[in-house]
């Protein structure tokens, strides 16, 4: 599902204009991104959490030069689904 599909589905279900729904979705995504950039996690009860994970420093390889490089510790955004969400996917999506 793409953002356009999501906008169309919500627009049909709620009877709102597509441009209003798109503006709402884009504002939501912008707010989540801004919160994470400020170091604040976003908790959506029943859906999940957008959190910041810290990756430890590690040693990597530059294959083309055959040298080792140090990858510094850094933060990455991550999504942790709520139990209800996780169980729904487990029970309703067939394993390929």
N, C-alpha and C. Protein backbone atom coordinates (compact mmCIF):
# COMPACT_ATOMS: atom_id res chain seq x y z
N UNK A 1 0.85 -1.17 0.00
CA UNK A 1 0.00 0.00 0.00
C UNK A 1 0.89 1.24 0.00
N UNK A 2 0.55 2.18 -0.85
CA UNK A 2 1.31 3.42 -0.94
C UNK A 2 0.58 4.52 -0.17
N UNK A 3 1.21 5.67 -0.06
CA UNK A 3 0.58 6.80 0.61
C UNK A 3 -0.69 7.21 -0.14
N UNK A 4 -0.65 7.16 -1.47
CA UNK A 4 -1.83 7.50 -2.27
C UNK A 4 -2.98 6.53 -2.00
N UNK A 5 -2.68 5.25 -1.86
CA UNK A 5 -3.71 4.25 -1.54
C UNK A 5 -4.30 4.52 -0.16
N UNK A 6 -3.44 4.85 0.79
CA UNK A 6 -3.87 5.15 2.14
C UNK A 6 -4.80 6.37 2.15
N UNK A 7 -4.41 7.42 1.42
CA UNK A 7 -5.23 8.63 1.32
C UNK A 7 -6.59 8.30 0.71
N UNK A 8 -6.60 7.52 -0.35
CA UNK A 8 -7.85 7.16 -1.02
C UNK A 8 -8.76 6.35 -0.09
N UNK A 9 -8.19 5.38 0.62
CA UNK A 9 -8.99 4.54 1.53
C UNK A 9 -9.60 5.36 2.65
N UNK A 10 -8.81 6.22 3.27
CA UNK A 10 -9.31 7.05 4.38
C UNK A 10 -10.36 8.04 3.86
N UNK A 11 -10.10 8.61 2.71
CA UNK A 11 -11.03 9.55 2.11
C UNK A 11 -12.39 8.89 1.86
N UNK A 12 -12.36 7.67 1.33
CA UNK A 12 -13.60 6.94 1.06
C UNK A 12 -14.34 6.58 2.35
N UNK A 13 -13.60 6.13 3.36
CA UNK A 13 -14.23 5.70 4.62
C UNK A 13 -14.84 6.87 5.38
N UNK A 14 -14.16 8.03 5.39
CA UNK A 14 -14.61 9.16 6.19
C UNK A 14 -15.40 10.20 5.39
N UNK A 15 -15.40 10.08 4.08
CA UNK A 15 -16.11 11.05 3.26
C UNK A 15 -15.45 12.42 3.23
N UNK A 16 -14.13 12.45 3.41
CA UNK A 16 -13.39 13.72 3.37
C UNK A 16 -12.72 13.89 2.02
N UNK A 17 -12.36 15.13 1.72
CA UNK A 17 -11.63 15.41 0.48
C UNK A 17 -10.24 14.78 0.56
N UNK A 18 -9.76 14.27 -0.58
CA UNK A 18 -8.45 13.62 -0.61
C UNK A 18 -7.33 14.58 -0.23
N UNK A 19 -7.43 15.85 -0.64
CA UNK A 19 -6.35 16.80 -0.30
C UNK A 19 -6.30 17.08 1.19
N UNK A 20 -7.45 17.04 1.87
CA UNK A 20 -7.47 17.22 3.33
C UNK A 20 -6.82 16.03 4.03
N UNK A 21 -7.16 14.83 3.57
CA UNK A 21 -6.61 13.61 4.15
C UNK A 21 -5.10 13.56 3.91
N UNK A 22 -4.67 13.92 2.70
CA UNK A 22 -3.24 13.90 2.39
C UNK A 22 -2.49 14.89 3.26
N UNK A 23 -3.04 16.08 3.46
CA UNK A 23 -2.40 17.08 4.32
C UNK A 23 -2.30 16.57 5.76
N UNK A 24 -3.33 15.87 6.22
CA UNK A 24 -3.32 15.33 7.58
C UNK A 24 -2.25 14.25 7.73
N UNK A 25 -2.18 13.35 6.77
CA UNK A 25 -1.19 12.27 6.83
C UNK A 25 0.23 12.83 6.76
N UNK A 26 0.46 13.79 5.86
CA UNK A 26 1.80 14.38 5.75
C UNK A 26 2.18 15.15 7.00
N UNK A 27 1.21 15.82 7.62
CA UNK A 27 1.48 16.53 8.88
C UNK A 27 1.80 15.53 9.99
N UNK A 28 1.07 14.42 10.05
CA UNK A 28 1.35 13.38 11.03
C UNK A 28 2.78 12.86 10.88
N UNK A 29 3.16 12.52 9.65
CA UNK A 29 4.50 11.99 9.40
C UNK A 29 5.57 13.02 9.75
N UNK A 30 5.32 14.27 9.45
CA UNK A 30 6.27 15.34 9.76
C UNK A 30 6.44 15.49 11.28
N UNK A 31 5.32 15.40 12.02
CA UNK A 31 5.38 15.51 13.48
C UNK A 31 6.13 14.34 14.10
N UNK A 32 5.92 13.13 13.59
CA UNK A 32 6.66 11.96 14.09
C UNK A 32 8.15 12.17 13.84
N UNK A 33 8.49 12.59 12.61
CA UNK A 33 9.89 12.81 12.26
C UNK A 33 10.52 13.90 13.14
N UNK A 34 9.80 15.00 13.33
CA UNK A 34 10.33 16.09 14.17
C UNK A 34 10.53 15.66 15.61
N UNK A 35 9.59 14.87 16.15
CA UNK A 35 9.72 14.39 17.52
C UNK A 35 10.95 13.51 17.67
N UNK A 36 11.16 12.60 16.73
CA UNK A 36 12.32 11.71 16.80
C UNK A 36 13.62 12.51 16.65
N UNK A 37 13.62 13.52 15.79
CA UNK A 37 14.82 14.35 15.62
C UNK A 37 15.13 15.14 16.89
N UNK A 38 14.11 15.43 17.70
CA UNK A 38 14.34 16.11 18.99
C UNK A 38 14.70 15.13 20.10
N UNK A 39 14.72 13.83 19.78
CA UNK A 39 15.06 12.82 20.78
C UNK A 39 13.87 12.32 21.57
N UNK A 40 12.67 12.62 21.12
CA UNK A 40 11.45 12.20 21.82
C UNK A 40 10.82 11.02 21.09
N UNK A 41 10.48 9.96 21.82
CA UNK A 41 9.77 8.82 21.25
C UNK A 41 8.30 9.18 21.07
N UNK A 42 7.63 8.49 20.15
CA UNK A 42 6.21 8.72 19.89
C UNK A 42 5.47 7.42 20.20
N UNK A 43 4.51 7.49 21.13
CA UNK A 43 3.76 6.31 21.56
C UNK A 43 2.31 6.42 21.09
N UNK A 44 1.86 5.45 20.31
CA UNK A 44 0.47 5.41 19.83
C UNK A 44 -0.17 4.14 20.38
N UNK A 45 -0.94 4.29 21.45
CA UNK A 45 -1.53 3.15 22.15
C UNK A 45 -2.37 2.30 21.19
N UNK A 46 -2.14 0.99 21.20
CA UNK A 46 -2.87 0.07 20.35
C UNK A 46 -2.27 -0.07 18.95
N UNK A 47 -1.30 0.77 18.61
CA UNK A 47 -0.67 0.70 17.29
C UNK A 47 0.81 0.35 17.42
N UNK A 48 1.55 1.18 18.16
CA UNK A 48 2.97 0.92 18.36
C UNK A 48 3.71 2.18 18.74
N UNK A 49 5.03 2.07 18.76
CA UNK A 49 5.88 3.18 19.16
C UNK A 49 6.96 3.43 18.13
N UNK A 50 7.16 4.70 17.82
CA UNK A 50 8.30 5.11 17.02
C UNK A 50 9.37 5.50 18.02
N UNK A 51 10.48 4.77 18.03
CA UNK A 51 11.50 4.97 19.05
C UNK A 51 12.86 5.22 18.41
N UNK A 52 13.79 5.66 19.24
CA UNK A 52 15.16 5.88 18.80
C UNK A 52 16.01 4.76 19.39
N UNK A 53 16.71 4.04 18.53
CA UNK A 53 17.61 2.98 18.97
C UNK A 53 19.04 3.46 18.78
N UNK A 54 19.91 3.09 19.71
CA UNK A 54 21.31 3.43 19.61
C UNK A 54 22.09 2.23 19.11
N UNK A 55 22.83 2.42 18.06
CA UNK A 55 23.71 1.38 17.52
C UNK A 55 25.09 1.59 18.12
N UNK A 56 25.69 0.54 18.62
CA UNK A 56 27.02 0.63 19.23
C UNK A 56 28.09 0.81 18.14
N UNK A 57 29.24 1.31 18.56
CA UNK A 57 30.37 1.42 17.64
C UNK A 57 30.80 0.03 17.22
N UNK A 58 31.17 -0.13 15.95
CA UNK A 58 31.62 -1.43 15.50
C UNK A 58 32.67 -1.28 14.41
N UNK A 59 33.33 -2.37 14.12
CA UNK A 59 34.35 -2.39 13.08
C UNK A 59 33.75 -3.01 11.84
N UNK A 60 33.93 -2.34 10.70
CA UNK A 60 33.42 -2.83 9.43
C UNK A 60 34.57 -3.01 8.45
N UNK A 61 34.22 -3.46 7.25
CA UNK A 61 35.24 -3.68 6.21
C UNK A 61 34.89 -2.88 4.97
N UNK A 62 35.90 -2.22 4.40
CA UNK A 62 35.77 -1.61 3.09
C UNK A 62 36.28 -2.65 2.10
N UNK A 63 35.37 -3.33 1.45
CA UNK A 63 35.74 -4.47 0.60
C UNK A 63 36.60 -4.04 -0.58
N UNK A 64 36.30 -2.88 -1.18
CA UNK A 64 37.05 -2.47 -2.37
C UNK A 64 38.51 -2.16 -2.06
N UNK A 65 38.78 -1.62 -0.86
CA UNK A 65 40.16 -1.30 -0.48
C UNK A 65 40.76 -2.34 0.46
N UNK A 66 39.96 -3.32 0.88
CA UNK A 66 40.38 -4.36 1.80
C UNK A 66 40.99 -3.79 3.08
N UNK A 67 40.27 -2.82 3.67
CA UNK A 67 40.71 -2.21 4.91
C UNK A 67 39.58 -2.26 5.94
N UNK A 68 39.97 -2.12 7.20
CA UNK A 68 38.95 -2.06 8.24
C UNK A 68 38.62 -0.60 8.51
N UNK A 69 37.37 -0.36 8.83
CA UNK A 69 36.94 1.00 9.19
C UNK A 69 36.14 0.92 10.48
N UNK A 70 36.15 2.02 11.23
CA UNK A 70 35.35 2.09 12.45
C UNK A 70 34.05 2.81 12.12
N UNK A 71 32.95 2.16 12.44
CA UNK A 71 31.64 2.77 12.29
C UNK A 71 31.25 3.31 13.66
N UNK A 72 31.13 4.63 13.81
CA UNK A 72 30.86 5.20 15.13
C UNK A 72 29.45 4.85 15.63
N UNK A 73 29.26 4.97 16.93
CA UNK A 73 27.94 4.76 17.51
C UNK A 73 27.00 5.82 16.94
N UNK A 74 25.76 5.43 16.69
CA UNK A 74 24.80 6.37 16.13
C UNK A 74 23.37 5.93 16.47
N UNK A 75 22.45 6.85 16.33
CA UNK A 75 21.04 6.58 16.61
C UNK A 75 20.30 6.36 15.30
N UNK A 76 19.29 5.47 15.36
CA UNK A 76 18.43 5.23 14.20
C UNK A 76 16.98 5.21 14.66
N UNK A 77 16.05 5.62 13.79
CA UNK A 77 14.63 5.48 14.14
C UNK A 77 14.19 4.04 13.96
N UNK A 78 13.24 3.61 14.78
CA UNK A 78 12.72 2.25 14.69
C UNK A 78 11.25 2.26 15.06
N UNK A 79 10.54 1.23 14.65
CA UNK A 79 9.12 1.08 14.99
C UNK A 79 8.95 -0.21 15.77
N UNK A 80 8.27 -0.12 16.90
CA UNK A 80 7.98 -1.30 17.71
C UNK A 80 6.46 -1.43 17.79
N UNK A 81 5.89 -2.47 17.14
CA UNK A 81 4.43 -2.61 17.13
C UNK A 81 3.88 -2.98 18.51
N UNK A 82 2.64 -2.55 18.76
CA UNK A 82 1.95 -2.90 20.00
C UNK A 82 1.58 -4.38 19.97
N UNK A 83 1.35 -4.97 21.14
CA UNK A 83 1.01 -6.39 21.22
C UNK A 83 -0.23 -6.72 20.39
N UNK A 84 -1.25 -5.88 20.46
CA UNK A 84 -2.49 -6.13 19.72
C UNK A 84 -2.21 -6.15 18.22
N UNK A 85 -1.40 -5.21 17.76
CA UNK A 85 -1.02 -5.11 16.35
C UNK A 85 -0.23 -6.34 15.93
N UNK A 86 0.75 -6.71 16.75
CA UNK A 86 1.61 -7.86 16.47
C UNK A 86 0.79 -9.15 16.39
N UNK A 87 -0.11 -9.35 17.34
CA UNK A 87 -0.95 -10.56 17.35
C UNK A 87 -1.87 -10.60 16.13
N UNK A 88 -2.40 -9.45 15.73
CA UNK A 88 -3.27 -9.40 14.56
C UNK A 88 -2.54 -9.82 13.30
N UNK A 89 -1.31 -9.36 13.14
CA UNK A 89 -0.52 -9.75 11.97
C UNK A 89 -0.17 -11.23 12.04
N UNK A 90 0.23 -11.71 13.22
CA UNK A 90 0.58 -13.13 13.38
C UNK A 90 -0.59 -14.04 13.02
N UNK A 91 -1.78 -13.67 13.46
CA UNK A 91 -2.94 -14.53 13.29
C UNK A 91 -3.61 -14.40 11.92
N UNK A 92 -3.44 -13.29 11.24
CA UNK A 92 -4.17 -13.05 10.01
C UNK A 92 -3.36 -13.12 8.73
N UNK A 93 -2.05 -13.07 8.81
CA UNK A 93 -1.21 -13.11 7.61
C UNK A 93 -0.58 -14.49 7.50
N UNK A 94 -0.81 -15.14 6.37
CA UNK A 94 -0.27 -16.48 6.16
C UNK A 94 1.22 -16.41 5.83
N UNK A 95 1.96 -17.40 6.31
CA UNK A 95 3.39 -17.49 6.04
C UNK A 95 3.57 -18.00 4.62
N UNK A 96 4.43 -17.36 3.87
CA UNK A 96 4.69 -17.77 2.48
C UNK A 96 5.54 -19.00 2.41
